[in-house]
N, C-alpha and C. Protein backbone atom coordinates (compact mmCIF):
# COMPACT_ATOMS: atom_id res chain seq x y z
N UNK A 1 0.97 -4.03 0.39
CA UNK A 1 -0.25 -4.56 0.80
C UNK A 1 -0.43 -6.05 1.08
N UNK A 2 -0.93 -6.54 1.95
CA UNK A 2 -1.05 -7.88 2.43
C UNK A 2 -2.51 -8.30 2.13
N UNK A 3 -2.72 -9.29 1.52
CA UNK A 3 -4.23 -10.03 1.35
C UNK A 3 -4.67 -10.71 2.66
N UNK A 4 -5.82 -10.31 3.02
CA UNK A 4 -6.52 -10.95 4.35
C UNK A 4 -7.88 -11.17 4.03
N UNK A 5 -8.51 -12.27 4.55
CA UNK A 5 -9.65 -12.76 4.39
C UNK A 5 -10.55 -11.99 5.37
N UNK A 6 -11.60 -11.14 5.08
CA UNK A 6 -12.38 -10.34 5.95
C UNK A 6 -13.93 -10.77 5.81
N UNK A 7 -14.58 -10.57 7.03
CA UNK A 7 -15.91 -10.96 7.08
C UNK A 7 -16.88 -9.55 7.14
N UNK A 8 -17.73 -9.37 6.33
CA UNK A 8 -18.60 -8.18 6.39
C UNK A 8 -19.50 -8.19 7.65
N UNK A 9 -19.40 -7.39 8.63
CA UNK A 9 -20.26 -7.55 9.96
C UNK A 9 -21.82 -7.50 9.63
N UNK A 10 -22.21 -6.82 8.59
CA UNK A 10 -23.64 -6.58 8.18
C UNK A 10 -24.30 -7.84 7.45
N UNK A 11 -23.31 -8.29 6.36
CA UNK A 11 -23.95 -9.24 5.62
C UNK A 11 -23.37 -10.67 5.79
N UNK A 12 -22.21 -10.75 6.64
CA UNK A 12 -21.61 -12.15 6.98
C UNK A 12 -20.68 -12.54 5.67
N UNK A 13 -20.76 -11.67 4.72
CA UNK A 13 -20.12 -12.44 3.49
C UNK A 13 -18.68 -12.15 3.77
N UNK A 14 -17.82 -13.06 3.24
CA UNK A 14 -16.35 -12.86 3.23
C UNK A 14 -15.75 -12.62 1.87
N UNK A 15 -14.70 -11.90 2.03
CA UNK A 15 -13.95 -11.46 0.84
C UNK A 15 -12.47 -11.29 1.05
N UNK A 16 -11.68 -11.49 0.22
CA UNK A 16 -10.21 -11.15 0.27
C UNK A 16 -9.95 -9.59 0.04
N UNK A 17 -9.40 -9.00 1.10
CA UNK A 17 -9.17 -7.52 1.12
C UNK A 17 -7.64 -7.42 1.14
N UNK A 18 -7.28 -6.16 0.59
CA UNK A 18 -5.75 -5.90 0.95
C UNK A 18 -5.58 -4.85 2.11
N UNK A 19 -4.71 -5.10 2.95
CA UNK A 19 -4.56 -4.28 4.05
C UNK A 19 -3.11 -3.78 4.04
N UNK A 20 -2.67 -2.72 4.81
CA UNK A 20 -1.42 -2.09 4.77
C UNK A 20 -0.84 -2.35 6.13
N UNK A 21 0.03 -3.42 6.29
CA UNK A 21 0.70 -3.64 7.56
C UNK A 21 1.91 -2.70 7.84
N UNK A 22 1.88 -1.74 8.70
CA UNK A 22 3.02 -0.85 9.00
C UNK A 22 4.19 -1.58 9.44
N UNK A 23 4.26 -2.72 10.05
CA UNK A 23 5.37 -3.51 10.41
C UNK A 23 6.28 -3.76 9.32
N UNK A 24 5.83 -3.71 8.16
CA UNK A 24 6.78 -3.89 6.91
C UNK A 24 7.57 -2.78 6.66
N UNK A 25 6.99 -1.43 7.06
CA UNK A 25 7.82 -0.26 6.85
C UNK A 25 8.83 -0.28 8.06
N UNK A 26 8.24 -0.41 9.24
CA UNK A 26 8.92 -0.37 10.54
C UNK A 26 10.31 -1.25 10.42
N UNK A 27 10.08 -2.51 9.86
CA UNK A 27 11.24 -3.52 9.64
C UNK A 27 12.23 -3.02 8.73
N UNK A 28 11.79 -2.29 7.68
CA UNK A 28 12.93 -1.72 6.77
C UNK A 28 13.46 -0.54 6.98
N UNK A 29 12.65 0.54 7.71
CA UNK A 29 13.25 1.89 8.02
C UNK A 29 13.16 1.87 9.40
N UNK A 30 14.31 1.72 10.21
CA UNK A 30 14.16 1.64 11.69
C UNK A 30 13.76 3.07 12.53
N UNK A 31 14.00 4.10 11.71
CA UNK A 31 13.57 5.40 12.47
C UNK A 31 12.18 5.44 12.66
N UNK A 32 11.44 4.68 11.86
CA UNK A 32 9.84 4.62 11.98
C UNK A 32 9.54 3.52 12.73
N UNK A 33 8.50 3.74 13.82
CA UNK A 33 7.92 2.71 14.71
C UNK A 33 6.47 3.08 15.02
N UNK A 34 5.96 2.20 15.90
CA UNK A 34 4.57 2.51 16.41
C UNK A 34 4.38 3.77 17.16
N UNK A 35 5.56 4.14 17.62
CA UNK A 35 5.40 5.66 18.58
C UNK A 35 5.19 6.65 17.55
N UNK A 36 5.83 6.67 16.45
CA UNK A 36 5.99 7.88 15.48
C UNK A 36 5.15 7.90 14.15
N UNK A 37 4.28 6.67 13.94
CA UNK A 37 3.82 6.49 12.80
C UNK A 37 2.16 6.70 12.84
N UNK A 38 1.62 7.36 12.06
CA UNK A 38 0.14 7.47 11.91
C UNK A 38 -0.26 7.20 10.42
N UNK A 39 -1.32 6.30 10.36
CA UNK A 39 -1.66 5.86 9.03
C UNK A 39 -3.14 6.58 8.88
N UNK A 40 -3.30 7.39 8.03
CA UNK A 40 -4.48 8.17 7.61
C UNK A 40 -5.14 7.59 6.34
N UNK A 41 -6.26 7.24 6.67
CA UNK A 41 -7.00 6.40 5.44
C UNK A 41 -8.60 6.75 5.47
N UNK A 42 -9.16 6.42 4.34
CA UNK A 42 -10.67 6.50 4.41
C UNK A 42 -11.08 5.10 4.49
N UNK A 43 -10.46 4.13 4.65
CA UNK A 43 -11.00 2.65 4.94
C UNK A 43 -10.30 2.20 6.14
N UNK A 44 -10.75 2.04 7.25
CA UNK A 44 -10.37 1.46 8.42
C UNK A 44 -9.70 0.16 8.29
N UNK A 45 -10.23 -0.84 7.44
CA UNK A 45 -9.63 -1.98 7.25
C UNK A 45 -8.25 -2.08 6.82
N UNK A 46 -7.73 -0.73 6.25
CA UNK A 46 -6.30 -0.89 5.87
C UNK A 46 -5.48 -0.64 7.08
N UNK A 47 -5.99 -0.32 8.21
CA UNK A 47 -4.98 -0.16 9.32
C UNK A 47 -5.46 -1.30 10.41
N UNK A 48 -6.10 -2.34 9.81
CA UNK A 48 -6.68 -3.36 10.80
C UNK A 48 -5.50 -3.95 11.79
N UNK A 49 -4.32 -4.11 11.28
CA UNK A 49 -3.20 -4.64 11.98
C UNK A 49 -2.72 -3.77 12.77
N UNK A 50 -2.82 -2.41 12.69
CA UNK A 50 -2.14 -1.29 13.62
C UNK A 50 -3.36 -0.17 13.98
N UNK A 51 -4.33 -0.81 14.68
CA UNK A 51 -5.59 0.07 14.95
C UNK A 51 -5.22 1.40 15.65
N UNK A 52 -4.13 1.46 16.71
CA UNK A 52 -3.94 2.58 17.41
C UNK A 52 -3.19 3.68 16.49
N UNK A 53 -2.72 3.24 15.44
CA UNK A 53 -1.86 3.90 14.56
C UNK A 53 -2.68 4.55 13.38
N UNK A 54 -3.96 4.20 13.20
CA UNK A 54 -4.79 4.59 12.25
C UNK A 54 -5.93 5.29 12.56
N UNK A 55 -6.10 6.48 11.68
CA UNK A 55 -7.24 7.37 11.92
C UNK A 55 -8.21 7.19 10.55
N UNK A 56 -9.35 7.25 10.49
CA UNK A 56 -10.21 7.22 9.48
C UNK A 56 -10.82 8.58 9.25
N UNK A 57 -10.50 9.02 7.76
CA UNK A 57 -11.00 10.35 7.63
C UNK A 57 -12.08 10.04 6.51
N UNK A 58 -12.87 10.97 6.38
CA UNK A 58 -13.87 11.02 5.25
C UNK A 58 -13.46 10.90 3.86
N UNK A 59 -13.94 9.87 2.96
CA UNK A 59 -13.34 9.86 1.54
C UNK A 59 -13.51 11.30 0.76
N UNK A 60 -12.58 11.27 -0.14
CA UNK A 60 -12.61 12.42 -1.09
C UNK A 60 -13.01 11.72 -2.51
N UNK A 61 -14.10 11.97 -3.06
CA UNK A 61 -14.50 11.10 -4.29
C UNK A 61 -14.06 11.92 -5.57
N UNK A 62 -14.57 13.17 -5.75
CA UNK A 62 -14.20 13.86 -6.94
C UNK A 62 -14.59 15.22 -6.72
N UNK A 63 -13.83 16.26 -7.57
CA UNK A 63 -13.81 17.68 -7.54
C UNK A 63 -15.05 18.07 -8.02
N UNK A 64 -15.98 17.43 -8.94
CA UNK A 64 -17.21 18.01 -9.32
C UNK A 64 -18.12 18.26 -8.31
N UNK A 65 -18.33 17.35 -7.45
CA UNK A 65 -19.23 17.17 -6.33
C UNK A 65 -18.72 17.77 -4.95
N UNK A 66 -17.45 18.49 -5.14
CA UNK A 66 -16.89 18.97 -3.97
C UNK A 66 -17.68 20.07 -3.29
N UNK A 67 -17.75 19.83 -1.93
CA UNK A 67 -18.47 20.86 -1.02
C UNK A 67 -17.36 22.04 -0.54
N UNK A 68 -17.83 23.13 -0.58
CA UNK A 68 -17.01 24.09 0.00
C UNK A 68 -16.74 24.09 1.57
N UNK A 69 -17.65 23.36 2.08
CA UNK A 69 -17.80 23.16 3.64
C UNK A 69 -16.82 22.04 4.03
N UNK A 70 -16.27 21.30 3.27
CA UNK A 70 -15.37 20.19 3.41
C UNK A 70 -14.11 20.64 4.08
N UNK A 71 -13.84 20.35 5.29
CA UNK A 71 -12.72 20.99 6.02
C UNK A 71 -11.95 19.88 6.82
N UNK A 72 -12.05 18.46 6.17
CA UNK A 72 -11.56 17.32 6.81
C UNK A 72 -10.00 17.54 6.87
N UNK A 73 -9.37 17.82 5.78
CA UNK A 73 -7.79 18.10 5.79
C UNK A 73 -7.39 19.28 6.85
N UNK A 74 -8.21 20.34 6.81
CA UNK A 74 -7.86 21.32 7.67
C UNK A 74 -7.96 20.79 9.17
N UNK A 75 -8.96 19.97 9.51
CA UNK A 75 -9.03 19.54 10.86
C UNK A 75 -8.10 18.34 11.16
N UNK A 76 -7.65 17.73 10.24
CA UNK A 76 -6.58 16.95 10.34
C UNK A 76 -5.11 17.40 10.64
N UNK A 77 -5.00 18.57 9.91
CA UNK A 77 -3.81 19.18 10.25
C UNK A 77 -3.67 20.02 11.68
N UNK A 78 -4.80 20.29 12.07
CA UNK A 78 -4.81 20.99 13.43
C UNK A 78 -4.75 19.78 14.53
N UNK A 79 -5.43 18.65 14.12
CA UNK A 79 -5.10 17.41 14.98
C UNK A 79 -3.64 16.91 14.98
N UNK A 80 -3.06 16.94 13.96
CA UNK A 80 -1.55 16.57 14.17
C UNK A 80 -0.67 17.64 14.70
N UNK A 81 -1.11 18.70 14.56
CA UNK A 81 -0.16 19.73 15.27
C UNK A 81 -0.46 19.76 16.81
N UNK A 82 -1.71 19.47 17.21
CA UNK A 82 -1.96 19.33 18.69
C UNK A 82 -1.20 17.97 19.17
N UNK A 83 -1.20 16.94 18.48
CA UNK A 83 -0.45 15.81 18.97
C UNK A 83 1.16 16.11 18.88
N UNK A 84 1.66 16.78 17.96
CA UNK A 84 3.03 17.17 17.99
C UNK A 84 3.41 17.90 19.23
N UNK A 85 2.58 19.03 19.33
CA UNK A 85 2.89 19.98 20.35
C UNK A 85 2.90 19.27 21.93
N UNK A 86 1.91 18.35 22.04
CA UNK A 86 1.85 17.61 23.26
C UNK A 86 2.71 16.60 23.46
N UNK A 87 3.32 16.12 22.42
CA UNK A 87 4.46 15.10 22.43
C UNK A 87 3.76 13.75 22.59
N UNK A 88 2.56 13.32 22.06
CA UNK A 88 2.07 12.13 22.08
C UNK A 88 2.72 11.08 21.36
N UNK A 89 2.81 9.76 21.91
CA UNK A 89 3.25 8.53 21.19
C UNK A 89 1.98 7.84 20.78
N UNK A 90 2.09 7.61 19.47
CA UNK A 90 0.84 6.89 18.86
C UNK A 90 0.74 5.50 19.44
N UNK A 91 1.70 4.96 19.89
CA UNK A 91 1.62 3.53 20.39
C UNK A 91 0.81 3.60 21.83
N UNK A 92 0.87 4.68 22.37
CA UNK A 92 0.07 4.85 23.86
C UNK A 92 -1.17 5.65 23.47
N UNK A 93 -1.49 6.24 22.42
CA UNK A 93 -2.54 7.15 22.11
C UNK A 93 -3.76 6.21 21.40
N UNK A 94 -4.89 6.45 21.75
CA UNK A 94 -5.96 5.86 21.12
C UNK A 94 -6.50 6.87 20.06
N UNK A 95 -5.61 6.84 19.04
CA UNK A 95 -5.85 7.88 17.87
C UNK A 95 -7.25 7.81 17.22
N UNK A 96 -7.89 6.66 16.96
CA UNK A 96 -9.11 6.77 16.34
C UNK A 96 -10.16 7.42 17.12
N UNK A 97 -10.13 7.20 18.46
CA UNK A 97 -11.24 7.65 19.30
C UNK A 97 -10.81 9.10 19.57
N UNK A 98 -9.69 9.51 19.80
CA UNK A 98 -9.31 11.06 20.09
C UNK A 98 -9.68 11.85 18.68
N UNK A 99 -9.34 11.19 17.52
CA UNK A 99 -9.62 11.88 16.24
C UNK A 99 -11.13 12.06 16.20
N UNK A 100 -12.05 11.06 16.41
CA UNK A 100 -13.57 11.28 16.22
C UNK A 100 -13.85 12.48 17.28
N UNK A 101 -13.35 12.30 18.43
CA UNK A 101 -13.74 13.50 19.53
C UNK A 101 -13.15 14.83 18.95
N UNK A 102 -12.07 14.88 18.32
CA UNK A 102 -11.48 16.22 17.94
C UNK A 102 -12.27 16.71 16.85
N UNK A 103 -12.48 16.00 15.85
CA UNK A 103 -13.21 16.49 14.53
C UNK A 103 -14.72 16.83 14.90
N UNK A 104 -15.27 16.52 15.81
CA UNK A 104 -16.70 16.76 16.14
C UNK A 104 -16.85 18.02 16.86
N UNK A 105 -15.65 18.63 17.44
CA UNK A 105 -15.86 19.80 18.24
C UNK A 105 -16.28 21.02 17.38
């Protein structure tokens, strides 16, 4: 994780946040790169340095309040299968926009 100064768009307040730069992984493990890595997180700021490689999913908070209609991971699995079958490269794909469109179907 890398500390970065962020400004809240609604309040204008700044805060130090930790983000996850994928380049650190790509530099250490050469078989992974922008074309074959997808970052799934419930906070989009975590993939701020790699926006095309990140998709935001709904947060999972606790099992007590779990809803039986929560199908986020099922939809994510279907989305990933679709991408794999079609041979998309994450570096050329607008993953955030495509994911939102896919999950609303």
